[in-house]
C-alpha atoms as a PDB file:
ATOM      1  CA  MET A   1     -47.548  22.859 -73.166  1.00  0.00           C
ATOM      2  CA  LYS A   2     -43.788  23.214 -73.487  1.00  0.00           C
ATOM      3  CA  PRO A   3     -41.750  20.040 -72.746  1.00  0.00           C
ATOM      4  CA  LEU A   4     -40.440  19.940 -69.173  1.00  0.00           C
ATOM      5  CA  LEU A   5     -36.770  20.109 -70.168  1.00  0.00           C
ATOM      6  CA  ALA A   6     -37.473  22.041 -73.379  1.00  0.00           C
ATOM      7  CA  GLY A   7     -34.382  21.208 -75.434  1.00  0.00           C
ATOM      8  CA  LEU A   8     -31.913  21.629 -72.572  1.00  0.00           C
ATOM      9  CA  LYS A   9     -28.663  19.732 -73.096  1.00  0.00           C
ATOM     10  CA  ILE A  10     -27.982  17.495 -70.078  1.00  0.00           C
ATOM     11  CA  VAL A  11     -24.692  15.635 -69.715  1.00  0.00           C
ATOM     12  CA  VAL A  12     -25.059  12.069 -68.390  1.00  0.00           C
ATOM     13  CA  THR A  13     -21.744  10.771 -67.015  1.00  0.00           C
ATOM     14  CA  ARG A  14     -22.849   7.344 -65.793  1.00  0.00           C
ATOM     15  CA  PRO A  15     -21.062   4.283 -67.247  1.00  0.00           C
ATOM     16  CA  ARG A  16     -22.452   3.798 -70.757  1.00  0.00           C
ATOM     17  CA  ASP A  17     -24.462   0.655 -69.990  1.00  0.00           C
ATOM     18  CA  GLN A  18     -26.067   2.315 -66.970  1.00  0.00           C
ATOM     19  CA  ALA A  19     -26.836   5.645 -68.635  1.00  0.00           C
ATOM     20  CA  VAL A  20     -29.657   4.353 -70.845  1.00  0.00           C
ATOM     21  CA  GLN A  21     -32.584   4.846 -68.473  1.00  0.00           C
ATOM     22  CA  LEU A  22     -31.646   8.354 -67.343  1.00  0.00           C
ATOM     23  CA  ALA A  23     -30.879   9.404 -70.930  1.00  0.00           C
ATOM     24  CA  ARG A  24     -34.239   8.052 -72.092  1.00  0.00           C
ATOM     25  CA  SER A  25     -36.074   9.848 -69.272  1.00  0.00           C
ATOM     26  CA  ILE A  26     -34.359  13.140 -70.126  1.00  0.00           C
ATOM     27  CA  GLU A  27     -35.325  12.697 -73.771  1.00  0.00           C
ATOM     28  CA  GLN A  28     -38.936  11.868 -72.884  1.00  0.00           C
ATOM     29  CA  ALA A  29     -39.052  15.075 -70.831  1.00  0.00           C
ATOM     30  CA  GLY A  30     -37.958  17.077 -73.874  1.00  0.00           C
ATOM     31  CA  GLY A  31     -34.265  17.370 -73.045  1.00  0.00           C
ATOM     32  CA  VAL A  32     -31.207  16.390 -75.060  1.00  0.00           C
ATOM     33  CA  PRO A  33     -29.044  13.813 -73.231  1.00  0.00           C
ATOM     34  CA  LEU A  34     -25.308  14.055 -73.926  1.00  0.00           C
ATOM     35  CA  LEU A  35     -23.580  10.782 -73.047  1.00  0.00           C
ATOM     36  CA  PHE A  36     -20.114  11.384 -71.611  1.00  0.00           C
ATOM     37  CA  PRO A  37     -19.250   8.317 -69.460  1.00  0.00           C
ATOM     38  CA  LEU A  38     -16.572   8.972 -66.871  1.00  0.00           C
ATOM     39  CA  LEU A  39     -16.229   5.380 -65.643  1.00  0.00           C
ATOM     40  CA  ASP A  40     -16.319   1.948 -67.232  1.00  0.00           C
ATOM     41  CA  ILE A  41     -17.592  -0.962 -65.137  1.00  0.00           C
ATOM     42  CA  ALA A  42     -16.767  -4.610 -65.781  1.00  0.00           C
ATOM     43  CA  ALA A  43     -16.643  -7.911 -63.899  1.00  0.00           C
ATOM     44  CA  VAL A  44     -13.290  -8.786 -62.326  1.00  0.00           C
ATOM     45  CA  GLN A  45     -11.152 -10.698 -64.807  1.00  0.00           C
ATOM     46  CA  ASP A  46      -9.599 -13.104 -62.315  1.00  0.00           C
ATOM     47  CA  THR A  47     -12.487 -14.595 -60.320  1.00  0.00           C
ATOM     48  CA  ARG A  48     -10.506 -17.155 -58.298  1.00  0.00           C
ATOM     49  CA  GLU A  49     -10.385 -15.141 -55.080  1.00  0.00           C
ATOM     50  CA  LEU A  50     -14.013 -14.040 -55.418  1.00  0.00           C
ATOM     51  CA  HIS A  51     -15.232 -17.607 -55.965  1.00  0.00           C
ATOM     52  CA  GLU A  52     -13.160 -18.811 -52.992  1.00  0.00           C
ATOM     53  CA  GLN A  53     -14.826 -16.199 -50.805  1.00  0.00           C
ATOM     54  CA  ILE A  54     -18.263 -17.093 -52.119  1.00  0.00           C
ATOM     55  CA  SER A  55     -17.609 -20.763 -51.328  1.00  0.00           C
ATOM     56  CA  ARG A  56     -17.400 -19.739 -47.651  1.00  0.00           C
ATOM     57  CA  LEU A  57     -20.451 -17.467 -47.700  1.00  0.00           C
ATOM     58  CA  GLY A  58     -22.441 -19.949 -45.613  1.00  0.00           C
ATOM     59  CA  GLN A  59     -20.077 -19.215 -42.710  1.00  0.00           C
ATOM     60  CA  PHE A  60     -21.040 -15.517 -42.706  1.00  0.00           C
ATOM     61  CA  ASN A  61     -23.825 -13.708 -40.892  1.00  0.00           C
ATOM     62  CA  LEU A  62     -24.201 -10.694 -43.156  1.00  0.00           C
ATOM     63  CA  ALA A  63     -23.502  -9.781 -46.791  1.00  0.00           C
ATOM     64  CA  ILE A  64     -23.527  -6.097 -47.776  1.00  0.00           C
ATOM     65  CA  PHE A  65     -23.812  -4.896 -51.370  1.00  0.00           C
ATOM     66  CA  ILE A  66     -22.600  -1.309 -51.574  1.00  0.00           C
ATOM     67  CA  SER A  67     -24.102  -0.345 -54.961  1.00  0.00           C
ATOM     68  CA  PRO A  68     -26.327  -1.590 -57.789  1.00  0.00           C
ATOM     69  CA  ASN A  69     -23.121  -2.675 -59.552  1.00  0.00           C
ATOM     70  CA  ALA A  70     -22.174  -4.738 -56.503  1.00  0.00           C
ATOM     71  CA  VAL A  71     -25.645  -6.288 -56.583  1.00  0.00           C
ATOM     72  CA  ASN A  72     -25.528  -7.197 -60.260  1.00  0.00           C
ATOM     73  CA  TYR A  73     -21.967  -8.499 -60.372  1.00  0.00           C
ATOM     74  CA  GLY A  74     -21.980  -9.968 -56.864  1.00  0.00           C
ATOM     75  CA  ILE A  75     -25.239 -11.900 -57.210  1.00  0.00           C
ATOM     76  CA  ALA A  76     -24.194 -13.145 -60.666  1.00  0.00           C
ATOM     77  CA  ALA A  77     -20.942 -14.465 -59.175  1.00  0.00           C
ATOM     78  CA  ILE A  78     -22.802 -16.096 -56.270  1.00  0.00           C
ATOM     79  CA  ARG A  79     -25.344 -17.771 -58.530  1.00  0.00           C
ATOM     80  CA  ALA A  80     -22.600 -18.954 -60.881  1.00  0.00           C
ATOM     81  CA  VAL A  81     -21.379 -21.291 -58.138  1.00  0.00           C
ATOM     82  CA  GLY A  82     -24.514 -21.876 -56.069  1.00  0.00           C
ATOM     83  CA  ASP A  83     -27.031 -19.659 -54.318  1.00  0.00           C
ATOM     84  CA  ILE A  84     -27.375 -17.317 -51.346  1.00  0.00           C
ATOM     85  CA  PRO A  85     -27.345 -19.242 -48.040  1.00  0.00           C
ATOM     86  CA  PRO A  86     -30.882 -19.050 -46.594  1.00  0.00           C
ATOM     87  CA  GLU A  87     -29.761 -17.786 -43.158  1.00  0.00           C
ATOM     88  CA  LEU A  88     -27.538 -15.029 -44.529  1.00  0.00           C
ATOM     89  CA  LYS A  89     -28.709 -11.493 -43.787  1.00  0.00           C
ATOM     90  CA  ILE A  90     -28.557  -9.181 -46.803  1.00  0.00           C
ATOM     91  CA  ALA A  91     -28.022  -5.426 -46.552  1.00  0.00           C
ATOM     92  CA  THR A  92     -27.201  -2.483 -48.764  1.00  0.00           C
ATOM     93  CA  VAL A  93     -26.596   1.231 -48.376  1.00  0.00           C
ATOM     94  CA  GLY A  94     -29.251   2.593 -50.750  1.00  0.00           C
ATOM     95  CA  GLN A  95     -32.752   2.041 -52.026  1.00  0.00           C
ATOM     96  CA  GLY A  96     -31.501   1.694 -55.620  1.00  0.00           C
ATOM     97  CA  SER A  97     -29.436  -1.308 -54.591  1.00  0.00           C
ATOM     98  CA  ALA A  98     -32.316  -2.676 -52.514  1.00  0.00           C
ATOM     99  CA  LYS A  99     -34.583  -2.427 -55.555  1.00  0.00           C
ATOM    100  CA  ALA A 100     -31.975  -4.229 -57.677  1.00  0.00           C
ATOM    101  CA  LEU A 101     -31.848  -7.034 -55.113  1.00  0.00           C
ATOM    102  CA  ARG A 102     -35.637  -7.359 -55.038  1.00  0.00           C
ATOM    103  CA  GLU A 103     -35.714  -7.513 -58.849  1.00  0.00           C
ATOM    104  CA  LEU A 104     -33.341 -10.472 -58.580  1.00  0.00           C
ATOM    105  CA  GLY A 105     -35.756 -12.232 -56.229  1.00  0.00           C
ATOM    106  CA  ILE A 106     -34.046 -11.360 -52.944  1.00  0.00           C
ATOM    107  CA  ALA A 107     -36.448 -10.162 -50.250  1.00  0.00           C
ATOM    108  CA  ASN A 108     -36.005  -8.922 -46.662  1.00  0.00           C
ATOM    109  CA  VAL A 109     -33.192  -6.547 -47.583  1.00  0.00           C
ATOM    110  CA  ILE A 110     -31.863  -4.358 -44.773  1.00  0.00           C
ATOM    111  CA  ALA A 111     -31.392  -0.796 -46.076  1.00  0.00           C
ATOM    112  CA  PRO A 112     -31.658   2.740 -44.712  1.00  0.00           C
ATOM    113  CA  THR A 113     -34.836   4.655 -45.494  1.00  0.00           C
ATOM    114  CA  GLU A 114     -33.503   8.166 -44.938  1.00  0.00           C
ATOM    115  CA  ARG A 115     -29.761   8.619 -45.422  1.00  0.00           C
ATOM    116  CA  PHE A 116     -28.600   6.450 -48.333  1.00  0.00           C
ATOM    117  CA  ASP A 117     -24.929   5.840 -47.603  1.00  0.00           C
ATOM    118  CA  SER A 118     -22.630   3.848 -45.335  1.00  0.00           C
ATOM    119  CA  GLU A 119     -23.436   6.117 -42.404  1.00  0.00           C
ATOM    120  CA  GLY A 120     -27.151   5.527 -42.935  1.00  0.00           C
ATOM    121  CA  LEU A 121     -26.742   1.749 -42.904  1.00  0.00           C
ATOM    122  CA  LEU A 122     -24.466   1.830 -39.859  1.00  0.00           C
ATOM    123  CA  ALA A 123     -27.061   3.838 -37.923  1.00  0.00           C
ATOM    124  CA  LEU A 124     -29.767   1.175 -38.282  1.00  0.00           C
ATOM    125  CA  PRO A 125     -30.687  -0.770 -35.111  1.00  0.00           C
ATOM    126  CA  GLU A 126     -29.961  -4.086 -36.863  1.00  0.00           C
ATOM    127  CA  MET A 127     -26.329  -3.041 -37.399  1.00  0.00           C
ATOM    128  CA  GLN A 128     -25.454  -2.204 -33.781  1.00  0.00           C
ATOM    129  CA  ASP A 129     -24.991  -5.526 -31.953  1.00  0.00           C
ATOM    130  CA  VAL A 130     -22.698  -7.285 -34.419  1.00  0.00           C
ATOM    131  CA  ALA A 131     -19.932  -8.504 -32.125  1.00  0.00           C
ATOM    132  CA  GLY A 132     -18.806 -11.947 -33.302  1.00  0.00           C
ATOM    133  CA  TRP A 133     -20.467 -11.591 -36.700  1.00  0.00           C
ATOM    134  CA  ARG A 134     -18.704 -12.366 -39.961  1.00  0.00           C
ATOM    135  CA  VAL A 135     -19.465  -9.758 -42.599  1.00  0.00           C
ATOM    136  CA  MET A 136     -18.703  -9.897 -46.330  1.00  0.00           C
ATOM    137  CA  ILE A 137     -18.857  -6.601 -48.234  1.00  0.00           C
ATOM    138  CA  PHE A 138     -19.360  -6.879 -52.003  1.00  0.00           C
ATOM    139  CA  ARG A 139     -17.919  -3.872 -53.822  1.00  0.00           C
ATOM    140  CA  GLY A 140     -15.712  -2.701 -56.672  1.00  0.00           C
ATOM    141  CA  ASP A 141     -11.958  -2.390 -56.537  1.00  0.00           C
ATOM    142  CA  GLY A 142     -11.109   0.149 -53.841  1.00  0.00           C
ATOM    143  CA  GLY A 143     -13.600   2.470 -52.202  1.00  0.00           C
ATOM    144  CA  ARG A 144     -14.367   3.807 -48.740  1.00  0.00           C
ATOM    145  CA  GLU A 145     -13.353   1.748 -45.727  1.00  0.00           C
ATOM    146  CA  LEU A 146     -15.893   3.234 -43.312  1.00  0.00           C
ATOM    147  CA  LEU A 147     -18.245   0.240 -43.324  1.00  0.00           C
ATOM    148  CA  GLY A 148     -15.521  -2.306 -42.697  1.00  0.00           C
ATOM    149  CA  ASP A 149     -13.691  -0.205 -40.121  1.00  0.00           C
ATOM    150  CA  THR A 150     -16.889   0.452 -38.167  1.00  0.00           C
ATOM    151  CA  PHE A 151     -17.990  -3.187 -38.164  1.00  0.00           C
ATOM    152  CA  LYS A 152     -14.520  -4.208 -36.974  1.00  0.00           C
ATOM    153  CA  ALA A 153     -14.735  -1.605 -34.197  1.00  0.00           C
ATOM    154  CA  ARG A 154     -18.072  -3.143 -33.192  1.00  0.00           C
ATOM    155  CA  GLY A 155     -16.476  -6.580 -32.906  1.00  0.00           C
ATOM    156  CA  ALA A 156     -17.226  -8.141 -36.289  1.00  0.00           C
ATOM    157  CA  THR A 157     -14.847  -9.854 -38.714  1.00  0.00           C
ATOM    158  CA  VAL A 158     -14.924  -8.273 -42.170  1.00  0.00           C
ATOM    159  CA  GLU A 159     -13.923  -9.417 -45.650  1.00  0.00           C
ATOM    160  CA  TYR A 160     -14.157  -7.354 -48.823  1.00  0.00           C
ATOM    161  CA  ALA A 161     -15.267  -9.257 -51.924  1.00  0.00           C
ATOM    162  CA  THR A 162     -14.248  -7.394 -55.084  1.00  0.00           C
ATOM    163  CA  CYS A 163     -16.819  -8.354 -57.708  1.00  0.00           C
ATOM    164  CA  TYR A 164     -16.327  -5.620 -60.304  1.00  0.00           C
ATOM    165  CA  GLN A 165     -13.650  -3.220 -61.427  1.00  0.00           C
ATOM    166  CA  ARG A 166     -13.709   0.398 -62.516  1.00  0.00           C
ATOM    167  CA  SER A 167     -11.621   2.031 -65.213  1.00  0.00           C
ATOM    168  CA  LYS A 168     -11.507   5.487 -66.747  1.00  0.00           C
ATOM    169  CA  PRO A 169     -12.475   5.674 -70.407  1.00  0.00           C
ATOM    170  CA  LYS A 170     -10.455   8.005 -72.593  1.00  0.00           C
ATOM    171  CA  GLN A 171     -12.534  11.119 -73.055  1.00  0.00           C
ATOM    172  CA  ASP A 172     -12.046  14.393 -74.896  1.00  0.00           C
ATOM    173  CA  ALA A 173     -12.991  17.357 -72.722  1.00  0.00           C
ATOM    174  CA  GLY A 174     -13.040  19.495 -75.857  1.00  0.00           C
ATOM    175  CA  MET A 175     -16.066  17.570 -77.136  1.00  0.00           C
ATOM    176  CA  LEU A 176     -17.904  18.254 -73.889  1.00  0.00           C
ATOM    177  CA  LEU A 177     -17.131  21.960 -74.062  1.00  0.00           C
ATOM    178  CA  ALA A 178     -18.107  22.145 -77.727  1.00  0.00           C
ATOM    179  CA  ASP A 179     -21.568  20.796 -76.886  1.00  0.00           C
ATOM    180  CA  LYS A 180     -22.135  23.757 -74.504  1.00  0.00           C
ATOM    181  CA  PRO A 181     -24.188  21.757 -71.989  1.00  0.00           C
ATOM    182  CA  ASP A 182     -26.886  23.396 -69.896  1.00  0.00           C
ATOM    183  CA  ALA A 183     -26.363  21.007 -66.959  1.00  0.00           C
ATOM    184  CA  ILE A 184     -24.147  18.100 -65.931  1.00  0.00           C
ATOM    185  CA  THR A 185     -25.056  15.044 -63.849  1.00  0.00           C
ATOM    186  CA  VAL A 186     -22.381  13.164 -61.890  1.00  0.00           C
ATOM    187  CA  THR A 187     -23.104  10.213 -59.598  1.00  0.00           C
ATOM    188  CA  SER A 188     -19.761   9.451 -57.912  1.00  0.00           C
ATOM    189  CA  SER A 189     -16.850  11.334 -56.363  1.00  0.00           C
ATOM    190  CA  GLU A 190     -14.443   9.279 -58.455  1.00  0.00           C
ATOM    191  CA  ALA A 191     -16.146  10.322 -61.692  1.00  0.00           C
ATOM    192  CA  LEU A 192     -16.198  13.967 -60.611  1.00  0.00           C
ATOM    193  CA  GLY A 193     -12.494  13.844 -59.814  1.00  0.00           C
ATOM    194  CA  TYR A 194     -11.757  12.354 -63.232  1.00  0.00           C
ATOM    195  CA  LEU A 195     -13.799  15.053 -64.952  1.00  0.00           C
ATOM    196  CA  TRP A 196     -12.068  17.879 -63.095  1.00  0.00           C
ATOM    197  CA  ASN A 197      -8.599  16.456 -63.715  1.00  0.00           C
ATOM    198  CA  MET A 198      -9.125  16.206 -67.470  1.00  0.00           C
ATOM    199  CA  LEU A 199     -10.000  19.894 -67.696  1.00  0.00           C
ATOM    200  CA  LYS A 200      -7.461  22.641 -68.275  1.00  0.00           C
ATOM    201  CA  ASP A 201      -7.758  25.784 -66.146  1.00  0.00           C
ATOM    202  CA  SER A 202      -9.465  27.605 -68.995  1.00  0.00           C
ATOM    203  CA  ASP A 203     -11.915  24.695 -69.407  1.00  0.00           C
ATOM    204  CA  ARG A 204     -12.711  24.795 -65.699  1.00  0.00           C
ATOM    205  CA  ASP A 205     -13.505  28.484 -65.925  1.00  0.00           C
ATOM    206  CA  MET A 206     -15.934  27.717 -68.756  1.00  0.00           C
ATOM    207  CA  LEU A 207     -17.694  24.873 -66.931  1.00  0.00           C
ATOM    208  CA  ARG A 208     -17.742  26.011 -63.306  1.00  0.00           C
ATOM    209  CA  ASN A 209     -20.921  28.063 -63.905  1.00  0.00           C
ATOM    210  CA  THR A 210     -22.737  25.064 -65.391  1.00  0.00           C
ATOM    211  CA  PRO A 211     -25.289  23.624 -62.941  1.00  0.00           C
ATOM    212  CA  LEU A 212     -23.997  20.334 -61.520  1.00  0.00           C
ATOM    213  CA  PHE A 213     -26.454  17.720 -60.234  1.00  0.00           C
ATOM    214  CA  VAL A 214     -25.190  15.084 -57.787  1.00  0.00           C
ATOM    215  CA  PRO A 215     -27.036  12.517 -55.622  1.00  0.00           C
ATOM    216  CA  HIS A 216     -25.047  12.879 -52.406  1.00  0.00           C
ATOM    217  CA  ALA A 217     -23.797  15.621 -50.099  1.00  0.00           C
ATOM    218  CA  ARG A 218     -20.302  14.100 -50.104  1.00  0.00           C
ATOM    219  CA  ILE A 219     -20.033  14.546 -53.886  1.00  0.00           C
ATOM    220  CA  ALA A 220     -21.438  18.055 -53.555  1.00  0.00           C
ATOM    221  CA  GLY A 221     -18.744  18.887 -51.000  1.00  0.00           C
ATOM    222  CA  LEU A 222     -16.020  17.787 -53.401  1.00  0.00           C
ATOM    223  CA  ALA A 223     -17.618  19.800 -56.211  1.00  0.00           C
ATOM    224  CA  ARG A 224     -17.637  22.963 -54.132  1.00  0.00           C
ATOM    225  CA  GLU A 225     -14.003  22.395 -53.166  1.00  0.00           C
ATOM    226  CA  GLN A 226     -13.184  22.151 -56.875  1.00  0.00           C
ATOM    227  CA  GLY A 227     -14.918  25.446 -57.528  1.00  0.00           C
ATOM    228  CA  TRP A 228     -18.283  24.556 -59.083  1.00  0.00           C
ATOM    229  CA  LEU A 229     -20.601  27.490 -58.414  1.00  0.00           C
ATOM    230  CA  GLU A 230     -24.044  25.875 -58.753  1.00  0.00           C
ATOM    231  CA  VAL A 231     -24.263  22.423 -57.160  1.00  0.00           C
ATOM    232  CA  GLN A 232     -27.611  20.744 -56.540  1.00  0.00           C
ATOM    233  CA  VAL A 233     -28.019  17.620 -54.406  1.00  0.00           C
ATOM    234  CA  THR A 234     -30.790  15.392 -55.759  1.00  0.00           C
ATOM    235  CA  ALA A 235     -32.780  12.528 -54.319  1.00  0.00           C
ATOM    236  CA  SER A 236     -31.321   9.086 -55.006  1.00  0.00           C
ATOM    237  CA  GLY A 237     -31.646   7.147 -58.249  1.00  0.00           C
ATOM    238  CA  ASP A 238     -32.553   8.205 -61.766  1.00  0.00           C
ATOM    239  CA  ASP A 239     -36.006   9.354 -60.627  1.00  0.00           C
ATOM    240  CA  GLY A 240     -34.456  11.693 -58.059  1.00  0.00           C
ATOM    241  CA  MET A 241     -32.021  13.073 -60.621  1.00  0.00           C
ATOM    242  CA  LEU A 242     -34.773  13.647 -63.204  1.00  0.00           C
ATOM    243  CA  ALA A 243     -37.062  15.325 -60.684  1.00  0.00           C
ATOM    244  CA  ALA A 244     -34.306  17.754 -59.685  1.00  0.00           C
ATOM    245  CA  LEU A 245     -33.566  18.564 -63.331  1.00  0.00           C
ATOM    246  CA  ILE A 246     -37.233  19.285 -64.030  1.00  0.00           C
ATOM    247  CA  THR A 247     -37.550  21.504 -60.944  1.00  0.00           C
ATOM    248  CA  TRP A 248     -34.430  23.412 -61.986  1.00  0.00           C
ATOM    249  CA  ALA A 249     -35.680  23.815 -65.573  1.00  0.00           C
ATOM    250  CA  ASP A 250     -39.053  25.078 -64.338  1.00  0.00           C
ATOM    251  CA  GLN A 251     -37.387  27.629 -62.069  1.00  0.00           C
ATOM    252  CA  ARG A 252     -35.152  28.679 -64.946  1.00  0.00           C
ATOM    253  CA  ILE A 253     -38.221  29.528 -67.017  1.00  0.00           C
ATOM    254  CA  LYS A 254     -39.817  31.449 -64.142  1.00  0.00           C
ATOM    255  CA  ASP A 255     -36.627  33.451 -63.607  1.00  0.00           C
ATOM    256  CA  LYS A 256     -36.734  34.591 -67.241  1.00  0.00           C
ATOM    257  CA  VAL A 257     -40.319  35.806 -67.008  1.00  0.00           C
END
């Protein structure tokens, strides 16, 4: 039986440290992972403000971790100075982040089970009557304000706790083009914007026909605005991405028959 991905070259654009599992899964399925990280992730260098916020965490009703990075860096910062207050409610926007929290020994995580984004979390019954609550949102530097703005509109007080920072590694688009990838995976709008901006018009014309796999409709919308011609929205997490790649590869074989 032919391998599921049968030698197909798949670009993995996750930060290098977070690309290992998806790259390994692609390889195990017979594909060739091409690592081309579009973001670097690191802990904040100056932790004074973060530690000051964490020192007041016991005064808050709810802590939200907006990504697996926020979980890993946020929980590490919390545990460096103490522990999670027992009465604090914990929430996140996706099942990947919820899984990361459970792996760190944190149970009873509030997370959406259908739409895995800020809108999905905000739609949950537990997030409606929050007037008077104090909410701390653990995230990277910058990002969407929808969560905070909506909680404020519902009567809560909101603080953002920046626990990690993003930067753009220097990449050579020529190397990517030279590899002639069969498909590209991108997991954030920021990374997709960086990729598109590094390409010359002629490069864009070469890549826009390459199938692009993204885990969210918002990223897909940006991709279509940029001009990508084949954009596939996958289920969340590495498993969702891999499943979509395998389905696409299988259909590709059938189309050639």
